[in-house]
């Protein structure tokens, strides 16, 4: 591995959680190896380590040294033939190749096809219902949505809703529901001709009921937590881990959130009384977590959604919070959240999925 490429997987101990998430987004492998001031390996940090830290503390500015694993598995150059066996033994996806002084010389990664095969083999979400909110007009994508409903707008040559279903199918999901309203006949016709080995039931709105209101129209009774997702987003994350976190945390509702970094394009002035300038900050960067539009809900919440009124998932979350009930978040990185809601984001989604040649 060339040094420039290797640097994408190395980070200093004093870097922040935000900086680590951005670097993980860039290398697209979900892992970084932490080095000290002399370049020696000090630890390893994964997107999962950062996520657990943020769930526990919410602190985006803490140094990675506080959240890293200080006992990383390593391999020496003469042992390279044993790399695959060692990764399987310890259930890891990457091994740093170090020299006698613990400097990282290379990194061995588990092949992508093996990682996907492991995920698909587990079928961890078999039996879990997924509701796709597909009833909106997609006004941000006009004039495309004057012709096609938003769920059928293609990303590459596959409609966004079909791509969402494909991802969930990898985890063993077989039971899908789609809330529909605008141009619903087109959605039904498309999937009637392109059905796979899964069940897709339609929940039909006669009027817009919001992102939660349409759930009140589901006639079936769920006996397990279920997943709700907007039809215009793709989430790059371990869906099984999201579901397991929801259950382990004891949440009634879990919201998948994504880091959003915003750069103020001006010099910012910090002042005190009497017009006194205390300090100046050039183009500061602000970091927040935003709602992605994917949720895990406990089944009893279906009984708490009002009938025949517009009611959003954020309304439900606010109601639960006011009652002191447990609402949690599952944080993901900025680049792990792809939103098709605007034209520029559509292009970014295609680039992220390497679809320009399709």
Protein backbone atom coordinates (compact mmCIF):
# COMPACT_ATOMS: atom_id res chain seq x y z
CA UNK A 1 0.00 0.00 0.00
CA UNK A 2 1.37 3.40 -0.97
CA UNK A 3 2.03 5.91 1.80
CA UNK A 4 -0.70 8.28 0.62
CA UNK A 5 -3.22 5.49 0.72
CA UNK A 6 -1.92 4.23 4.07
CA UNK A 7 -2.31 7.71 5.59
CA UNK A 8 -6.06 7.47 4.99
CA UNK A 9 -6.18 4.79 7.68
CA UNK A 10 -3.93 6.46 10.27
CA UNK A 11 -4.92 9.13 12.78
CA UNK A 12 -3.23 10.86 15.70
CA UNK A 13 -4.28 10.33 19.31
CA UNK A 14 -5.43 13.93 19.76
CA UNK A 15 -7.81 13.97 16.79
CA UNK A 16 -11.47 14.44 17.71
CA UNK A 17 -14.41 12.10 17.20
CA UNK A 18 -15.67 14.37 14.40
CA UNK A 19 -12.31 14.26 12.62
CA UNK A 20 -12.20 10.47 12.96
CA UNK A 21 -15.69 10.11 11.50
CA UNK A 22 -14.73 12.27 8.54
CA UNK A 23 -11.59 10.23 7.90
CA UNK A 24 -13.55 6.97 8.14
CA UNK A 25 -15.99 8.40 5.60
CA UNK A 26 -13.06 9.12 3.30
CA UNK A 27 -11.45 5.67 3.52
CA UNK A 28 -14.82 3.86 3.43
CA UNK A 29 -13.53 0.93 5.51
CA UNK A 30 -15.02 1.80 8.90
CA UNK A 31 -11.68 1.71 10.73
CA UNK A 32 -8.63 3.80 11.68
CA UNK A 33 -5.35 2.91 13.34
CA UNK A 34 -4.26 5.40 15.98
CA UNK A 35 -0.58 6.35 16.14
CA UNK A 36 1.39 8.31 18.72
CA UNK A 37 3.73 11.24 18.08
CA UNK A 38 6.52 8.94 16.90
CA UNK A 39 4.25 7.07 14.47
CA UNK A 40 4.00 3.93 16.58
CA UNK A 41 0.70 2.08 16.72
CA UNK A 42 -1.20 3.06 19.87
CA UNK A 43 -4.66 1.66 19.21
CA UNK A 44 -7.47 1.04 16.77
CA UNK A 45 -10.82 2.75 16.46
CA UNK A 46 -13.83 1.71 14.40
CA UNK A 47 -17.03 3.51 13.47
CA UNK A 48 -18.69 1.28 16.07
CA UNK A 49 -16.32 2.49 18.80
CA UNK A 50 -17.11 6.10 17.95
CA UNK A 51 -20.84 5.35 17.84
CA UNK A 52 -20.80 3.73 21.28
CA UNK A 53 -18.88 6.72 22.66
CA UNK A 54 -21.37 9.20 21.18
CA UNK A 55 -24.34 7.22 22.49
CA UNK A 56 -22.75 7.19 25.94
CA UNK A 57 -21.51 10.79 26.11
CA UNK A 58 -22.73 12.79 23.10
CA UNK A 59 -19.28 14.43 23.03
CA UNK A 60 -18.14 15.06 19.45
CA UNK A 61 -15.00 16.94 20.50
CA UNK A 62 -13.32 14.31 22.68
CA UNK A 63 -9.98 12.88 21.56
CA UNK A 64 -9.93 9.44 19.94
CA UNK A 65 -7.45 8.25 22.58
CA UNK A 66 -10.40 8.16 25.01
CA UNK A 67 -12.46 5.78 22.85
CA UNK A 68 -9.92 3.63 21.01
CA UNK A 69 -9.05 -0.01 21.65
CA UNK A 70 -5.55 0.04 23.13
CA UNK A 71 -4.83 -3.61 22.34
CA UNK A 72 -5.18 -3.92 18.56
CA UNK A 73 -4.51 -7.18 16.80
CA UNK A 74 -1.45 -6.92 14.53
CA UNK A 75 0.55 -9.06 12.15
CA UNK A 76 4.19 -8.98 11.11
CA UNK A 77 5.35 -9.16 7.50
CA UNK A 78 6.60 -12.73 7.77
CA UNK A 79 3.15 -13.84 8.99
CA UNK A 80 1.12 -12.46 6.08
CA UNK A 81 -0.03 -15.89 4.96
CA UNK A 82 -1.91 -16.26 8.25
CA UNK A 83 -3.76 -12.92 7.92
CA UNK A 84 -7.09 -14.31 6.71
CA UNK A 85 -7.13 -17.02 9.37
CA UNK A 86 -6.34 -14.49 12.09
CA UNK A 87 -9.08 -12.10 10.97
CA UNK A 88 -11.59 -14.93 11.06
CA UNK A 89 -10.36 -16.04 14.49
CA UNK A 90 -10.86 -12.59 16.02
CA UNK A 91 -13.88 -11.58 13.88
CA UNK A 92 -12.15 -8.48 12.53
CA UNK A 93 -12.07 -7.00 9.03
CA UNK A 94 -8.59 -5.42 9.01
CA UNK A 95 -5.10 -6.19 10.33
CA UNK A 96 -2.23 -3.69 10.46
CA UNK A 97 1.13 -5.02 9.31
CA UNK A 98 3.75 -3.62 11.71
CA UNK A 99 7.54 -3.65 11.92
CA UNK A 100 9.63 -4.45 14.99
CA UNK A 101 9.09 -0.90 16.33
CA UNK A 102 5.28 -1.12 15.88
CA UNK A 103 5.15 1.27 12.95
CA UNK A 104 2.28 0.48 10.56
CA UNK A 105 3.76 -0.59 7.22
CA UNK A 106 0.63 -1.91 5.52
CA UNK A 107 -2.94 -3.03 6.20
CA UNK A 108 -4.61 -6.28 5.20
CA UNK A 109 -8.38 -6.13 4.70
CA UNK A 110 -10.93 -8.90 4.55
CA UNK A 111 -12.33 -9.13 1.04
CA UNK A 112 -15.61 -7.26 0.53
CA UNK A 113 -17.33 -10.34 -0.87
CA UNK A 114 -16.52 -12.25 2.33
CA UNK A 115 -17.93 -9.45 4.50
CA UNK A 116 -21.15 -9.35 2.44
CA UNK A 117 -21.41 -13.14 2.50
CA UNK A 118 -21.16 -13.14 6.30
CA UNK A 119 -23.86 -10.49 6.59
CA UNK A 120 -26.20 -12.24 4.18
CA UNK A 121 -25.60 -15.56 5.89
CA UNK A 122 -26.82 -14.28 9.25
CA UNK A 123 -30.24 -13.08 8.00
CA UNK A 124 -30.43 -11.16 11.27
CA UNK A 125 -33.68 -9.30 10.49
CA UNK A 126 -35.73 -12.24 9.29
CA UNK A 127 -39.28 -11.79 10.57
CA UNK A 128 -38.90 -8.04 11.15
CA UNK A 129 -41.45 -5.85 9.30
CA UNK A 130 -40.24 -2.81 7.35
CA UNK A 131 -42.53 0.10 6.50
CA UNK A 132 -41.47 2.36 3.61
CA UNK A 133 -43.06 5.82 3.64
CA UNK A 134 -43.83 6.26 -0.08
CA UNK A 135 -46.85 8.56 -0.13
CA UNK A 136 -45.30 12.01 -0.47
CA UNK A 137 -45.33 14.19 -3.59
CA UNK A 138 -41.58 14.81 -3.65
CA UNK A 139 -41.98 18.54 -4.29
CA UNK A 140 -38.23 19.14 -3.89
CA UNK A 141 -37.65 16.98 -6.97
CA UNK A 142 -40.15 18.75 -9.24
CA UNK A 143 -40.42 18.46 -12.28
CA UNK A 144 -39.21 14.82 -12.08
CA UNK A 145 -42.04 13.99 -9.71
CA UNK A 146 -44.59 15.52 -12.05
CA UNK A 147 -44.00 12.43 -14.18
CA UNK A 148 -42.82 9.78 -11.71
CA UNK A 149 -43.64 9.29 -8.03
CA UNK A 150 -40.59 9.81 -5.85
CA UNK A 151 -40.18 6.09 -4.96
CA UNK A 152 -39.71 5.25 -8.66
CA UNK A 153 -37.09 7.87 -9.49
CA UNK A 154 -34.05 5.85 -10.57
CA UNK A 155 -30.66 5.94 -8.92
CA UNK A 156 -28.58 4.48 -11.72
CA UNK A 157 -31.10 2.23 -13.44
CA UNK A 158 -32.92 1.03 -10.31
CA UNK A 159 -35.68 3.00 -8.53
CA UNK A 160 -34.74 4.26 -5.08
CA UNK A 161 -37.47 2.23 -3.34
CA UNK A 162 -36.26 -0.98 -4.99
CA UNK A 163 -32.72 -0.23 -3.81
CA UNK A 164 -34.02 0.19 -0.25
CA UNK A 165 -35.79 -3.16 -0.46
CA UNK A 166 -32.63 -4.81 -1.84
CA UNK A 167 -30.60 -3.66 1.17
CA UNK A 168 -33.13 -4.99 3.66
CA UNK A 169 -33.39 -8.26 1.76
CA UNK A 170 -29.67 -8.87 2.47
CA UNK A 171 -30.59 -8.98 6.15
CA UNK A 172 -33.38 -11.48 5.59
CA UNK A 173 -36.36 -9.09 5.64
CA UNK A 174 -39.33 -10.58 3.79
CA UNK A 175 -42.27 -8.51 5.03
CA UNK A 176 -42.56 -4.99 3.56
CA UNK A 177 -45.31 -2.37 3.78
CA UNK A 178 -45.48 0.75 1.62
CA UNK A 179 -47.63 3.71 2.58
CA UNK A 180 -48.84 5.20 -0.69
CA UNK A 181 -50.90 8.14 -1.93
CA UNK A 182 -49.43 10.25 -4.78
CA UNK A 183 -49.33 8.29 -8.09
CA UNK A 184 -49.84 5.08 -6.14
CA UNK A 185 -51.06 3.14 -9.18
CA UNK A 186 -47.66 3.60 -10.84
CA UNK A 187 -45.88 2.25 -7.77
CA UNK A 188 -48.17 -0.76 -7.64
CA UNK A 189 -47.77 -1.46 -11.34
CA UNK A 190 -43.99 -1.32 -11.17
CA UNK A 191 -43.69 -3.76 -8.28
CA UNK A 192 -46.35 -6.05 -9.70
CA UNK A 193 -43.95 -6.60 -12.60
CA UNK A 194 -40.74 -6.58 -10.55
CA UNK A 195 -41.58 -8.57 -7.43
CA UNK A 196 -38.89 -10.72 -5.84
CA UNK A 197 -39.22 -13.34 -3.14
CA UNK A 198 -40.71 -10.96 -0.59
CA UNK A 199 -44.12 -9.70 0.48
CA UNK A 200 -45.12 -6.08 -0.27
CA UNK A 201 -48.41 -4.82 1.12
CA UNK A 202 -49.82 -1.36 0.44
CA UNK A 203 -51.21 1.00 3.05
CA UNK A 204 -53.30 3.50 1.13
CA UNK A 205 -53.85 7.06 2.31
CA UNK A 206 -56.87 8.99 1.05
CA UNK A 207 -55.31 12.18 2.38
CA UNK A 208 -51.78 13.06 3.54
CA UNK A 209 -51.38 11.78 7.09
CA UNK A 210 -47.74 12.58 7.73
CA UNK A 211 -44.80 10.28 8.34
CA UNK A 212 -46.44 8.61 11.34
CA UNK A 213 -50.15 9.11 10.71
CA UNK A 214 -50.27 6.57 7.90
CA UNK A 215 -49.01 3.86 10.29
CA UNK A 216 -52.44 3.95 11.96
CA UNK A 217 -53.86 2.42 8.76
CA UNK A 218 -51.82 -0.79 9.08
CA UNK A 219 -54.34 -3.53 9.83
CA UNK A 220 -51.87 -6.19 10.94
CA UNK A 221 -50.71 -6.50 14.55
CA UNK A 222 -46.94 -6.61 14.98
CA UNK A 223 -45.43 -8.66 17.80
CA UNK A 224 -41.88 -7.36 17.32
CA UNK A 225 -40.26 -3.94 16.92
CA UNK A 226 -40.45 -2.78 13.32
CA UNK A 227 -38.49 -0.47 11.05
CA UNK A 228 -39.84 2.66 9.36
CA UNK A 229 -37.88 4.43 6.63
CA UNK A 230 -38.46 7.27 4.20
CA UNK A 231 -38.47 6.22 0.57
CA UNK A 232 -35.86 8.75 -0.57
CA UNK A 233 -32.86 7.84 1.62
CA UNK A 234 -30.13 5.24 1.68
CA UNK A 235 -28.39 4.46 4.95
CA UNK A 236 -24.96 2.81 4.86
CA UNK A 237 -24.85 1.08 8.23
CA UNK A 238 -25.29 -2.31 9.84
CA UNK A 239 -29.08 -2.57 10.00
CA UNK A 240 -28.89 -5.59 12.29
CA UNK A 241 -26.75 -3.60 14.73
CA UNK A 242 -29.27 -0.73 14.68
CA UNK A 243 -32.07 -3.14 15.55
CA UNK A 244 -30.03 -4.87 18.28
CA UNK A 245 -29.10 -1.50 19.79
CA UNK A 246 -32.78 -0.51 19.94
CA UNK A 247 -33.62 -3.65 21.89
CA UNK A 248 -30.58 -3.59 24.17
CA UNK A 249 -31.11 0.09 25.05
CA UNK A 250 -34.75 -0.49 25.99
CA UNK A 251 -35.91 2.34 23.73
CA UNK A 252 -39.52 2.69 22.68
CA UNK A 253 -38.39 4.62 19.61
CA UNK A 254 -34.92 4.81 18.10
CA UNK A 255 -34.05 7.45 15.54
CA UNK A 256 -31.13 6.92 13.16
CA UNK A 257 -29.20 10.19 13.13
CA UNK A 258 -26.35 11.38 10.92
CA UNK A 259 -23.53 13.78 11.64
CA UNK A 260 -23.88 17.04 9.72
CA UNK A 261 -20.96 19.45 9.47
CA UNK A 262 -21.76 23.03 8.51
CA UNK A 263 -19.05 25.58 7.70
CA UNK A 264 -20.01 29.21 8.32
CA UNK A 265 -18.57 30.97 5.22
CA UNK A 266 -17.60 34.14 7.13
CA UNK A 267 -15.41 35.25 9.96
CA UNK A 268 -17.50 34.99 13.14
CA UNK A 269 -17.29 37.64 15.84
CA UNK A 270 -17.64 36.73 19.53
CA UNK A 271 -18.59 39.76 21.58
CA UNK A 272 -19.59 40.79 25.10
CA UNK A 273 -21.34 43.85 26.49
CA UNK A 274 -20.94 47.39 25.21
CA UNK A 275 -20.04 46.22 21.71
CA UNK A 276 -16.68 44.82 22.85
CA UNK A 277 -15.15 42.17 20.57
CA UNK A 278 -13.65 39.33 22.62
CA UNK A 279 -12.41 37.13 19.79
CA UNK A 280 -12.75 36.33 16.11
CA UNK A 281 -13.08 32.93 14.46
CA UNK A 282 -12.54 32.43 10.73
CA UNK A 283 -15.10 30.16 9.02
CA UNK A 284 -15.94 27.98 12.04
CA UNK A 285 -17.35 24.50 11.54
CA UNK A 286 -20.46 23.48 13.43
CA UNK A 287 -21.36 19.83 13.96
CA UNK A 288 -24.83 18.47 14.69
CA UNK A 289 -26.74 15.23 14.45
CA UNK A 290 -29.74 15.33 12.09
CA UNK A 291 -32.74 13.07 11.67
CA UNK A 292 -32.23 10.74 8.69
CA UNK A 293 -35.80 9.47 8.40
CA UNK A 294 -35.16 5.89 9.57
CA UNK A 295 -36.67 4.67 12.85
CA UNK A 296 -37.20 1.56 14.98
CA UNK A 297 -40.53 1.48 16.83
CA UNK A 298 -41.94 -0.82 19.47
CA UNK A 299 -45.21 -2.33 18.23
CA UNK A 300 -47.39 -0.84 21.01
CA UNK A 301 -46.70 2.65 19.63
CA UNK A 302 -49.08 1.87 16.76
CA UNK A 303 -51.92 2.20 19.27
CA UNK A 304 -50.79 5.71 20.23
CA UNK A 305 -50.90 7.26 16.77
CA UNK A 306 -54.08 9.33 16.27
CA UNK A 307 -56.51 8.28 13.54
CA UNK A 308 -57.17 10.31 10.39
CA UNK A 309 -55.04 13.33 11.29
CA UNK A 310 -51.67 14.47 10.01
CA UNK A 311 -49.09 13.23 12.51
CA UNK A 312 -45.34 13.06 11.94
CA UNK A 313 -42.68 10.82 13.47
CA UNK A 314 -41.22 13.91 15.13
CA UNK A 315 -44.64 14.53 16.73
CA UNK A 316 -44.55 11.01 18.12
CA UNK A 317 -41.00 11.46 19.42
CA UNK A 318 -41.96 14.79 21.07
CA UNK A 319 -44.97 13.13 22.71
CA UNK A 320 -42.84 10.32 24.14
CA UNK A 321 -40.20 12.76 25.40
CA UNK A 322 -42.82 14.89 27.17
CA UNK A 323 -44.06 11.75 28.91
CA UNK A 324 -40.55 10.88 30.04
CA UNK A 325 -40.37 7.76 27.90
CA UNK A 326 -37.20 6.44 26.29
CA UNK A 327 -36.32 7.80 22.86
CA UNK A 328 -32.81 7.01 21.65
CA UNK A 329 -30.57 7.76 18.71
CA UNK A 330 -28.23 5.60 16.65
CA UNK A 331 -25.54 7.90 15.19
CA UNK A 332 -23.91 7.34 11.81
CA UNK A 333 -21.36 9.38 9.90
CA UNK A 334 -22.19 12.18 7.48
CA UNK A 335 -21.28 10.19 4.38
CA UNK A 336 -23.31 7.17 5.52
CA UNK A 337 -26.54 9.12 4.96
CA UNK A 338 -27.63 9.66 1.37
CA UNK A 339 -30.74 11.76 0.80
CA UNK A 340 -32.32 11.86 -2.65
CA UNK A 341 -34.53 14.81 -1.75
CA UNK A 342 -32.61 17.34 -3.86
CA UNK A 343 -30.94 17.16 -7.28
CA UNK A 344 -27.41 17.71 -5.96
CA UNK A 345 -27.92 14.93 -3.42
CA UNK A 346 -29.14 12.62 -6.19
CA UNK A 347 -25.85 13.11 -7.99
CA UNK A 348 -23.90 12.48 -4.78
CA UNK A 349 -25.90 9.30 -4.21
CA UNK A 350 -25.00 8.02 -7.68
CA UNK A 351 -21.32 8.85 -7.14
CA UNK A 352 -21.31 7.12 -3.75
CA UNK A 353 -22.84 4.00 -5.29
CA UNK A 354 -20.42 4.15 -8.25
CA UNK A 355 -23.31 4.31 -10.72
CA UNK A 356 -22.01 6.89 -13.18
CA UNK A 357 -21.18 4.17 -15.70
CA UNK A 358 -24.55 2.48 -15.49
